[in-house]
Protein backbone atom coordinates (compact mmCIF):
# COMPACT_ATOMS: atom_id res chain seq x y z
CA UNK A 1 0.07 -0.08 -0.24
CA UNK A 2 1.07 3.83 -0.86
CA UNK A 3 0.15 6.75 1.08
CA UNK A 4 -0.46 10.08 -1.07
CA UNK A 5 -2.10 13.43 0.65
CA UNK A 6 -4.82 14.85 -0.44
CA UNK A 7 -7.09 17.96 0.38
CA UNK A 8 -4.04 20.16 1.22
CA UNK A 9 -4.84 23.19 3.08
CA UNK A 10 -2.69 26.19 4.16
CA UNK A 11 -4.05 27.55 7.46
CA UNK A 12 -4.07 31.44 7.79
CA UNK A 13 -0.84 32.71 9.39
CA UNK A 14 -2.04 34.70 13.00
CA UNK A 15 -3.08 38.10 12.39
CA UNK A 16 -1.88 39.66 15.30
CA UNK A 17 1.78 38.83 14.41
CA UNK A 18 4.54 40.45 12.99
CA UNK A 19 4.33 41.31 9.55
CA UNK A 20 8.40 41.89 9.05
CA UNK A 21 10.80 38.96 7.72
CA UNK A 22 9.97 37.25 3.89
CA UNK A 23 7.48 34.52 3.63
CA UNK A 24 8.37 31.11 3.43
CA UNK A 25 6.85 27.65 2.96
CA UNK A 26 8.35 24.17 3.23
CA UNK A 27 6.47 20.87 2.63
CA UNK A 28 7.60 17.36 1.76
CA UNK A 29 6.11 15.00 -0.72
CA UNK A 30 4.00 12.14 0.72
CA UNK A 31 4.47 9.49 2.44
CA UNK A 32 6.30 12.47 4.95
CA UNK A 33 3.97 13.94 7.06
CA UNK A 34 5.58 16.73 9.90
CA UNK A 35 6.60 14.59 12.97
CA UNK A 36 8.83 17.23 14.71
CA UNK A 37 10.17 20.93 14.64
CA UNK A 38 14.11 22.17 15.30
CA UNK A 39 13.34 25.34 17.06
CA UNK A 40 16.27 27.94 18.08
CA UNK A 41 15.45 30.20 20.49
CA UNK A 42 16.51 32.53 23.53
CA UNK A 43 14.01 35.08 24.77
CA UNK A 44 12.48 35.11 20.92
CA UNK A 45 11.97 31.97 18.26
CA UNK A 46 15.16 32.88 15.93
CA UNK A 47 14.59 29.86 13.86
CA UNK A 48 12.46 27.07 12.86
CA UNK A 49 13.20 23.70 10.90
CA UNK A 50 10.73 21.33 10.13
CA UNK A 51 11.26 17.34 10.59
CA UNK A 52 9.32 14.97 8.38
CA UNK A 53 9.10 11.17 8.69
CA UNK A 54 8.43 8.42 6.24
CA UNK A 55 4.77 6.99 7.11
CA UNK A 56 5.16 3.34 6.00
CA UNK A 57 2.16 1.37 4.59
CA UNK A 58 1.58 -0.46 8.16
CA UNK A 59 1.38 3.23 9.96
CA UNK A 60 5.04 2.86 11.38
CA UNK A 61 7.37 5.48 10.90
CA UNK A 62 10.65 4.93 8.87
CA UNK A 63 13.52 7.42 7.96
CA UNK A 64 13.46 10.90 8.64
CA UNK A 65 14.36 14.20 6.89
CA UNK A 66 14.87 17.63 7.84
CA UNK A 67 13.64 20.60 5.62
CA UNK A 68 15.49 24.04 5.29
CA UNK A 69 16.38 26.34 8.44
CA UNK A 70 14.34 29.61 8.12
CA UNK A 71 15.13 32.35 10.38
CA UNK A 72 18.40 32.41 12.22
CA UNK A 73 20.28 29.30 14.06
CA UNK A 74 21.29 31.42 17.17
CA UNK A 75 20.05 30.43 20.65
CA UNK A 76 19.38 27.31 21.89
CA UNK A 77 18.05 24.23 19.97
CA UNK A 78 15.11 22.49 20.93
CA UNK A 79 13.36 19.24 19.15
CA UNK A 80 9.76 18.93 19.64
CA UNK A 81 7.56 15.95 17.83
CA UNK A 82 4.31 16.32 16.71
CA UNK A 83 2.10 13.15 17.00
CA UNK A 84 0.99 11.53 13.81
CA UNK A 85 -3.08 11.13 15.33
CA UNK A 86 -4.36 14.28 15.26
CA UNK A 87 -7.39 13.07 16.86
CA UNK A 88 -6.11 14.00 20.44
CA UNK A 89 -4.78 17.40 21.45
CA UNK A 90 -1.39 17.52 22.20
CA UNK A 91 0.88 20.67 23.26
CA UNK A 92 4.34 20.87 23.46
CA UNK A 93 6.29 22.61 26.02
CA UNK A 94 6.74 26.45 25.72
CA UNK A 95 9.58 27.85 23.63
CA UNK A 96 11.13 31.24 23.72
CA UNK A 97 9.90 33.34 26.41
CA UNK A 98 6.25 33.61 28.17
CA UNK A 99 5.31 37.47 26.94
CA UNK A 100 2.89 37.54 23.90
CA UNK A 101 -0.52 35.94 23.33
CA UNK A 102 -0.82 32.20 23.34
CA UNK A 103 -2.39 30.77 19.96
CA UNK A 104 -3.84 27.59 18.86
CA UNK A 105 -3.57 26.14 15.51
CA UNK A 106 -6.14 23.31 15.23
CA UNK A 107 -5.63 20.56 12.66
CA UNK A 108 -8.64 19.90 10.53
CA UNK A 109 -10.46 16.65 11.57
CA UNK A 110 -9.12 13.48 10.24
CA UNK A 111 -5.98 15.53 8.64
CA UNK A 112 -2.44 15.74 9.44
CA UNK A 113 0.25 18.34 9.25
CA UNK A 114 2.56 18.17 6.35
CA UNK A 115 4.44 21.31 6.24
CA UNK A 116 5.00 24.95 7.41
CA UNK A 117 4.45 28.35 6.52
CA UNK A 118 5.23 31.96 7.55
CA UNK A 119 7.49 34.75 7.67
CA UNK A 120 11.00 35.03 9.03
CA UNK A 121 13.93 37.48 9.19
CA UNK A 122 16.40 37.49 12.13
CA UNK A 123 13.17 35.98 14.23
CA UNK A 124 10.16 34.10 13.37
CA UNK A 125 7.70 36.97 12.66
CA UNK A 126 4.48 34.59 11.65
CA UNK A 127 4.00 30.67 12.02
CA UNK A 128 1.12 28.29 10.59
CA UNK A 129 0.78 24.80 9.38
CA UNK A 130 0.15 23.15 6.26
CA UNK A 131 -2.39 20.03 6.23
CA UNK A 132 -3.65 17.16 3.98
CA UNK A 133 -5.89 14.23 4.17
CA UNK A 134 -3.90 10.97 3.94
CA UNK A 135 -5.18 8.45 1.73
CA UNK A 136 -4.02 4.88 1.31
CA UNK A 137 -4.12 3.20 -1.82
CA UNK A 138 -2.13 0.21 -3.76
CA UNK A 139 1.69 -0.06 -3.80
CA UNK A 140 2.85 1.53 -6.72
C-alpha cells in the first residue's frame, strides 16, 4: 500500500503576529508528514526547521528528513515532536519567553500536518501549518 496526501490546506497566519521578514513555506511529498520541529530560541524564536518522517503502509515510521532552516540558527536548539494522530490534543512545552499571546492552530478533523509556512527574518515573525488528508492506496 502507498500513502498519498489530498485536500492540502494552508491554514492562515496568525493575524496579530509581526509582518516583518520574508515569506517561507516548506512541505515534503507523501509519505512524509510533519513529525517534529527543530526550534532555535532564546527570549524569541530565532529559527525553525521542519522534521518529516516517512509513514510506511503499516502505519509505522521509518526514515526522517529535515527541511530547510528558516530564520536564524542562533540561540539554543530544542527538538519537539508532533504526533501523527491528530484526534488527540497535544501541546509541546513552551519555547522562547512567556510574553505575547498564546495561539492554537487546530488541525482539520482527519488530517495531518504536512508542512509549515510563515514569515521569518532574524526571528520567526509569523507561523502556521499546512495540513492534508492522508489516503491509503495500492502499492505503486
